[in-house]
Amino acid sequence: MMQLLLPRGLAKAKRETDATEKAFRDGRLLGKAFTASVAEPDRLAAARAFVHSLAAAWWRVLTAGDRRPVPLRKLFEPLDVAQLPDWAFTVATSLGEEVAALDINATAYQMGLAYSGMLPREHRAA
């Protein structure tokens, strides 16, 4: 109903944003399923590796048009991204590419939801 009141360009942009957020929500569920399948002691590392792969893909898309793209900052502690199965790496990469269509606040929110949803219970409890 709300889209009917918006100018055509804004309504289309809202539909595209809604579709991106839905795709990201579905991908978050796959990421959560991935970490749930990992042995308990390795879940935190798996969540970090997944979300780092997601953020790296987002950054590549974001800086692809730059004349001299700025590389993503190196981490203080290296991650074992190799522990990600191919399908999980593909999901993380496609989520990163998908979320690049959102504004920065929505991107940060979606990435935060993805990461916090993948964390082991003891890291989510207050």
N, C-alpha and C. Protein backbone atom coordinates (compact mmCIF):
# COMPACT_ATOMS: atom_id res chain seq x y z
N MET A 1 0.82 -1.19 0.00
CA MET A 1 0.00 0.00 0.00
C MET A 1 0.86 1.25 0.00
N MET A 2 1.91 1.25 0.81
CA MET A 2 2.79 2.40 0.90
C MET A 2 3.47 2.69 -0.42
N GLN A 3 3.81 1.66 -1.16
CA GLN A 3 4.50 1.87 -2.43
C GLN A 3 3.63 2.61 -3.43
N LEU A 4 2.33 2.49 -3.32
CA LEU A 4 1.43 3.19 -4.23
C LEU A 4 1.53 4.70 -4.05
N LEU A 5 1.90 5.13 -2.87
CA LEU A 5 1.99 6.55 -2.58
C LEU A 5 3.34 7.15 -2.95
N LEU A 6 4.32 6.31 -3.19
CA LEU A 6 5.66 6.78 -3.51
C LEU A 6 5.79 7.08 -4.99
N PRO A 7 6.63 8.04 -5.35
CA PRO A 7 6.92 8.25 -6.77
C PRO A 7 7.51 6.97 -7.36
N ARG A 8 7.31 6.78 -8.66
CA ARG A 8 7.70 5.54 -9.33
C ARG A 8 9.14 5.12 -9.04
N GLY A 9 10.09 6.03 -9.13
CA GLY A 9 11.49 5.69 -8.89
C GLY A 9 11.75 5.22 -7.46
N LEU A 10 11.11 5.88 -6.50
CA LEU A 10 11.30 5.49 -5.11
C LEU A 10 10.63 4.15 -4.82
N ALA A 11 9.48 3.91 -5.41
CA ALA A 11 8.80 2.63 -5.21
C ALA A 11 9.65 1.49 -5.75
N LYS A 12 10.26 1.69 -6.91
CA LYS A 12 11.12 0.66 -7.50
C LYS A 12 12.34 0.43 -6.60
N ALA A 13 12.95 1.50 -6.11
CA ALA A 13 14.11 1.38 -5.23
C ALA A 13 13.74 0.64 -3.95
N LYS A 14 12.54 0.92 -3.41
CA LYS A 14 12.11 0.22 -2.19
C LYS A 14 11.92 -1.27 -2.46
N ARG A 15 11.31 -1.61 -3.61
CA ARG A 15 11.13 -3.04 -3.96
C ARG A 15 12.49 -3.73 -4.07
N GLU A 16 13.46 -3.07 -4.70
CA GLU A 16 14.79 -3.67 -4.84
C GLU A 16 15.45 -3.84 -3.49
N THR A 17 15.31 -2.85 -2.61
CA THR A 17 15.88 -2.96 -1.26
C THR A 17 15.21 -4.09 -0.50
N ASP A 18 13.88 -4.19 -0.60
CA ASP A 18 13.16 -5.28 0.08
C ASP A 18 13.61 -6.63 -0.43
N ALA A 19 13.82 -6.76 -1.74
CA ALA A 19 14.27 -8.03 -2.32
C ALA A 19 15.68 -8.36 -1.83
N THR A 20 16.55 -7.36 -1.75
CA THR A 20 17.91 -7.57 -1.26
C THR A 20 17.88 -8.02 0.20
N GLU A 21 17.07 -7.36 1.01
CA GLU A 21 16.98 -7.73 2.42
C GLU A 21 16.41 -9.13 2.61
N LYS A 22 15.44 -9.52 1.76
CA LYS A 22 14.90 -10.88 1.84
C LYS A 22 15.96 -11.90 1.46
N ALA A 23 16.71 -11.63 0.38
CA ALA A 23 17.78 -12.54 -0.03
C ALA A 23 18.82 -12.65 1.08
N PHE A 24 19.14 -11.53 1.71
CA PHE A 24 20.12 -11.55 2.79
C PHE A 24 19.60 -12.32 3.99
N ARG A 25 18.32 -12.17 4.30
CA ARG A 25 17.71 -12.91 5.41
C ARG A 25 17.80 -14.41 5.16
N ASP A 26 17.50 -14.83 3.93
CA ASP A 26 17.60 -16.25 3.57
C ASP A 26 19.05 -16.73 3.69
N GLY A 27 19.98 -15.92 3.25
CA GLY A 27 21.40 -16.28 3.35
C GLY A 27 21.87 -16.37 4.78
N ARG A 28 21.35 -15.48 5.64
CA ARG A 28 21.71 -15.53 7.06
C ARG A 28 21.30 -16.87 7.66
N LEU A 29 20.15 -17.38 7.26
CA LEU A 29 19.69 -18.67 7.76
C LEU A 29 20.64 -19.79 7.33
N LEU A 30 21.14 -19.71 6.09
CA LEU A 30 22.12 -20.70 5.64
C LEU A 30 23.41 -20.59 6.44
N GLY A 31 23.84 -19.35 6.72
CA GLY A 31 25.04 -19.15 7.54
C GLY A 31 24.87 -19.69 8.94
N LYS A 32 23.70 -19.48 9.50
CA LYS A 32 23.42 -20.00 10.85
C LYS A 32 23.40 -21.52 10.84
N ALA A 33 22.84 -22.10 9.79
CA ALA A 33 22.82 -23.57 9.66
C ALA A 33 24.25 -24.09 9.54
N PHE A 34 25.09 -23.35 8.82
CA PHE A 34 26.49 -23.76 8.68
C PHE A 34 27.18 -23.81 10.04
N THR A 35 27.08 -22.73 10.81
CA THR A 35 27.78 -22.73 12.10
C THR A 35 27.19 -23.76 13.06
N ALA A 36 25.89 -24.03 12.94
CA ALA A 36 25.28 -25.06 13.80
C ALA A 36 25.83 -26.45 13.46
N SER A 37 26.30 -26.62 12.23
CA SER A 37 26.84 -27.93 11.82
C SER A 37 28.30 -28.10 12.22
N VAL A 38 28.92 -27.04 12.69
CA VAL A 38 30.34 -27.08 13.08
C VAL A 38 30.44 -27.48 14.55
N ALA A 39 31.49 -28.21 14.89
CA ALA A 39 31.70 -28.61 16.29
C ALA A 39 31.75 -27.38 17.19
N GLU A 40 31.20 -27.50 18.37
CA GLU A 40 31.05 -26.38 19.30
C GLU A 40 32.33 -25.54 19.49
N PRO A 41 33.49 -26.16 19.70
CA PRO A 41 34.68 -25.33 19.93
C PRO A 41 35.09 -24.50 18.70
N ASP A 42 34.63 -24.88 17.52
CA ASP A 42 35.04 -24.19 16.29
C ASP A 42 33.99 -23.22 15.76
N ARG A 43 32.88 -23.07 16.45
CA ARG A 43 31.79 -22.23 15.93
C ARG A 43 32.15 -20.76 15.86
N LEU A 44 32.84 -20.25 16.84
CA LEU A 44 33.22 -18.84 16.81
C LEU A 44 34.13 -18.55 15.62
N ALA A 45 35.12 -19.41 15.42
CA ALA A 45 36.04 -19.24 14.28
C ALA A 45 35.29 -19.37 12.95
N ALA A 46 34.32 -20.28 12.89
CA ALA A 46 33.54 -20.45 11.66
C ALA A 46 32.70 -19.22 11.37
N ALA A 47 32.08 -18.66 12.41
CA ALA A 47 31.28 -17.43 12.23
C ALA A 47 32.16 -16.29 11.76
N ARG A 48 33.34 -16.15 12.36
CA ARG A 48 34.26 -15.08 11.95
C ARG A 48 34.71 -15.25 10.51
N ALA A 49 35.05 -16.48 10.14
CA ALA A 49 35.50 -16.73 8.76
C ALA A 49 34.39 -16.45 7.76
N PHE A 50 33.16 -16.86 8.08
CA PHE A 50 32.03 -16.65 7.19
C PHE A 50 31.77 -15.15 6.99
N VAL A 51 31.69 -14.42 8.09
CA VAL A 51 31.38 -12.99 8.00
C VAL A 51 32.54 -12.21 7.41
N HIS A 52 33.76 -12.64 7.64
CA HIS A 52 34.90 -11.97 6.99
C HIS A 52 34.82 -12.17 5.48
N SER A 53 34.47 -13.36 5.03
CA SER A 53 34.32 -13.61 3.59
C SER A 53 33.20 -12.75 3.02
N LEU A 54 32.13 -12.61 3.78
CA LEU A 54 31.01 -11.76 3.38
C LEU A 54 31.47 -10.30 3.24
N ALA A 55 32.17 -9.80 4.26
CA ALA A 55 32.63 -8.41 4.24
C ALA A 55 33.65 -8.17 3.13
N ALA A 56 34.51 -9.14 2.87
CA ALA A 56 35.50 -8.99 1.79
C ALA A 56 34.81 -8.89 0.44
N ALA A 57 33.77 -9.67 0.22
CA ALA A 57 33.02 -9.60 -1.04
C ALA A 57 32.30 -8.27 -1.15
N TRP A 58 31.71 -7.80 -0.06
CA TRP A 58 31.05 -6.49 -0.03
C TRP A 58 32.04 -5.40 -0.41
N TRP A 59 33.22 -5.44 0.20
CA TRP A 59 34.24 -4.42 -0.06
C TRP A 59 34.70 -4.45 -1.52
N ARG A 60 34.87 -5.65 -2.07
CA ARG A 60 35.27 -5.76 -3.49
C ARG A 60 34.25 -5.10 -4.40
N VAL A 61 32.97 -5.35 -4.14
CA VAL A 61 31.91 -4.75 -4.96
C VAL A 61 31.90 -3.23 -4.77
N LEU A 62 32.03 -2.81 -3.52
CA LEU A 62 31.98 -1.39 -3.20
C LEU A 62 33.11 -0.61 -3.87
N THR A 63 34.29 -1.19 -3.96
CA THR A 63 35.45 -0.48 -4.50
C THR A 63 35.77 -0.87 -5.94
N ALA A 64 34.95 -1.69 -6.56
CA ALA A 64 35.25 -2.19 -7.91
C ALA A 64 35.39 -1.06 -8.93
N GLY A 65 34.63 0.01 -8.78
CA GLY A 65 34.68 1.10 -9.75
C GLY A 65 35.79 2.11 -9.49
N ASP A 66 36.49 1.96 -8.39
CA ASP A 66 37.57 2.90 -8.06
C ASP A 66 38.75 2.72 -9.01
N ARG A 67 39.41 3.81 -9.28
CA ARG A 67 40.58 3.74 -10.15
C ARG A 67 41.68 2.89 -9.52
N ARG A 68 41.89 3.11 -8.25
CA ARG A 68 42.85 2.30 -7.49
C ARG A 68 42.14 1.82 -6.23
N PRO A 69 41.49 0.66 -6.31
CA PRO A 69 40.73 0.18 -5.14
C PRO A 69 41.60 0.04 -3.90
N VAL A 70 41.06 0.45 -2.79
CA VAL A 70 41.75 0.33 -1.51
C VAL A 70 41.51 -1.09 -1.00
N PRO A 71 42.57 -1.81 -0.67
CA PRO A 71 42.36 -3.18 -0.18
C PRO A 71 41.72 -3.17 1.21
N LEU A 72 41.01 -4.24 1.50
CA LEU A 72 40.43 -4.41 2.82
C LEU A 72 41.57 -4.56 3.83
N ARG A 73 41.43 -3.88 4.95
CA ARG A 73 42.48 -3.90 5.96
C ARG A 73 42.76 -5.32 6.45
N LYS A 74 44.01 -5.64 6.65
CA LYS A 74 44.38 -6.97 7.16
C LYS A 74 43.92 -7.10 8.61
N LEU A 75 43.57 -8.32 8.98
CA LEU A 75 43.11 -8.59 10.34
C LEU A 75 44.29 -8.71 11.29
N PHE A 76 44.05 -8.42 12.56
CA PHE A 76 45.09 -8.58 13.57
C PHE A 76 45.43 -10.05 13.77
N GLU A 77 44.40 -10.87 13.76
CA GLU A 77 44.59 -12.32 13.87
C GLU A 77 44.10 -12.96 12.59
N PRO A 78 44.94 -13.75 11.94
CA PRO A 78 44.49 -14.39 10.70
C PRO A 78 43.35 -15.37 10.96
N LEU A 79 42.44 -15.45 9.99
CA LEU A 79 41.31 -16.38 10.08
C LEU A 79 41.58 -17.58 9.20
N ASP A 80 41.04 -18.69 9.60
CA ASP A 80 41.17 -19.91 8.79
C ASP A 80 39.97 -20.01 7.86
N VAL A 81 39.99 -19.18 6.80
CA VAL A 81 38.89 -19.17 5.84
C VAL A 81 38.83 -20.50 5.11
N ALA A 82 39.93 -21.22 5.08
CA ALA A 82 39.96 -22.51 4.40
C ALA A 82 39.01 -23.51 5.07
N GLN A 83 38.64 -23.26 6.32
CA GLN A 83 37.72 -24.17 7.00
C GLN A 83 36.30 -24.04 6.47
N LEU A 84 36.02 -22.99 5.71
CA LEU A 84 34.69 -22.86 5.12
C LEU A 84 34.52 -23.84 3.97
N PRO A 85 33.46 -24.63 3.99
CA PRO A 85 33.20 -25.47 2.82
C PRO A 85 32.89 -24.57 1.62
N ASP A 86 33.07 -25.11 0.43
CA ASP A 86 32.84 -24.31 -0.78
C ASP A 86 31.46 -23.67 -0.79
N TRP A 87 30.42 -24.43 -0.39
CA TRP A 87 29.08 -23.87 -0.44
C TRP A 87 28.92 -22.71 0.53
N ALA A 88 29.55 -22.79 1.70
CA ALA A 88 29.45 -21.71 2.69
C ALA A 88 30.21 -20.47 2.20
N PHE A 89 31.36 -20.68 1.58
CA PHE A 89 32.11 -19.56 1.02
C PHE A 89 31.30 -18.90 -0.09
N THR A 90 30.65 -19.70 -0.92
CA THR A 90 29.82 -19.17 -2.01
C THR A 90 28.65 -18.36 -1.45
N VAL A 91 28.00 -18.88 -0.40
CA VAL A 91 26.89 -18.15 0.23
C VAL A 91 27.40 -16.83 0.81
N ALA A 92 28.51 -16.87 1.54
CA ALA A 92 29.05 -15.65 2.14
C ALA A 92 29.41 -14.62 1.07
N THR A 93 30.03 -15.07 0.00
CA THR A 93 30.42 -14.16 -1.08
C THR A 93 29.19 -13.56 -1.76
N SER A 94 28.20 -14.38 -2.04
CA SER A 94 27.00 -13.84 -2.70
C SER A 94 26.24 -12.89 -1.77
N LEU A 95 26.25 -13.15 -0.47
CA LEU A 95 25.62 -12.23 0.47
C LEU A 95 26.35 -10.89 0.49
N GLY A 96 27.66 -10.94 0.46
CA GLY A 96 28.45 -9.71 0.43
C GLY A 96 28.17 -8.89 -0.82
N GLU A 97 28.05 -9.57 -1.95
CA GLU A 97 27.74 -8.88 -3.19
C GLU A 97 26.32 -8.32 -3.16
N GLU A 98 25.41 -9.07 -2.58
CA GLU A 98 24.01 -8.65 -2.50
C GLU A 98 23.84 -7.43 -1.60
N VAL A 99 24.50 -7.44 -0.46
CA VAL A 99 24.32 -6.36 0.52
C VAL A 99 24.98 -5.06 0.05
N ALA A 100 25.83 -5.13 -0.94
CA ALA A 100 26.46 -3.91 -1.47
C ALA A 100 25.44 -2.99 -2.12
N ALA A 101 24.25 -3.50 -2.42
CA ALA A 101 23.19 -2.68 -3.02
C ALA A 101 22.47 -1.82 -1.97
N LEU A 102 22.67 -2.12 -0.70
CA LEU A 102 21.98 -1.38 0.37
C LEU A 102 22.81 -0.17 0.80
N ASP A 103 22.16 0.76 1.50
CA ASP A 103 22.91 1.88 2.05
C ASP A 103 23.75 1.37 3.23
N ILE A 104 24.70 2.15 3.65
CA ILE A 104 25.70 1.70 4.63
C ILE A 104 25.06 1.31 5.97
N ASN A 105 24.02 2.03 6.41
CA ASN A 105 23.38 1.69 7.68
C ASN A 105 22.67 0.34 7.60
N ALA A 106 21.95 0.11 6.51
CA ALA A 106 21.29 -1.18 6.33
C ALA A 106 22.31 -2.30 6.20
N THR A 107 23.42 -2.01 5.52
CA THR A 107 24.49 -3.00 5.37
C THR A 107 25.06 -3.39 6.73
N ALA A 108 25.39 -2.40 7.54
CA ALA A 108 25.95 -2.66 8.87
C ALA A 108 24.97 -3.46 9.72
N TYR A 109 23.70 -3.10 9.64
CA TYR A 109 22.67 -3.81 10.40
C TYR A 109 22.58 -5.27 9.96
N GLN A 110 22.52 -5.50 8.65
CA GLN A 110 22.39 -6.86 8.12
C GLN A 110 23.62 -7.71 8.46
N MET A 111 24.81 -7.12 8.32
CA MET A 111 26.03 -7.87 8.65
C MET A 111 26.07 -8.19 10.15
N GLY A 112 25.65 -7.24 10.97
CA GLY A 112 25.61 -7.47 12.41
C GLY A 112 24.64 -8.58 12.78
N LEU A 113 23.48 -8.58 12.14
CA LEU A 113 22.52 -9.66 12.37
C LEU A 113 23.09 -11.01 11.96
N ALA A 114 23.76 -11.03 10.81
CA ALA A 114 24.35 -12.28 10.32
C ALA A 114 25.36 -12.81 11.34
N TYR A 115 26.25 -11.94 11.78
CA TYR A 115 27.32 -12.37 12.70
C TYR A 115 26.75 -12.78 14.05
N SER A 116 25.90 -11.95 14.62
CA SER A 116 25.38 -12.29 15.96
C SER A 116 24.53 -13.55 15.92
N GLY A 117 23.82 -13.79 14.82
CA GLY A 117 23.02 -15.00 14.70
C GLY A 117 23.85 -16.27 14.57
N MET A 118 25.09 -16.12 14.14
CA MET A 118 25.96 -17.28 13.95
C MET A 118 26.80 -17.59 15.19
N LEU A 119 26.89 -16.65 16.11
CA LEU A 119 27.73 -16.85 17.28
C LEU A 119 27.19 -17.96 18.17
N PRO A 120 28.11 -18.67 18.85
CA PRO A 120 27.67 -19.66 19.84
C PRO A 120 26.87 -18.96 20.95
N ARG A 121 25.99 -19.70 21.57
CA ARG A 121 25.09 -19.15 22.58
C ARG A 121 25.82 -18.34 23.66
N GLU A 122 26.94 -18.84 24.15
CA GLU A 122 27.62 -18.14 25.25
C GLU A 122 28.16 -16.77 24.83
N HIS A 123 28.32 -16.54 23.54
CA HIS A 123 28.78 -15.24 23.06
C HIS A 123 27.60 -14.30 22.78
N ARG A 124 26.40 -14.82 22.74
CA ARG A 124 25.21 -14.00 22.50
C ARG A 124 24.52 -13.63 23.80
N ALA A 125 24.73 -14.39 24.85
CA ALA A 125 24.05 -14.14 26.12
C ALA A 125 24.59 -12.88 26.76
N ALA A 126 23.69 -12.14 27.40
CA ALA A 126 24.10 -10.88 28.05
C ALA A 126 24.63 -11.13 29.43
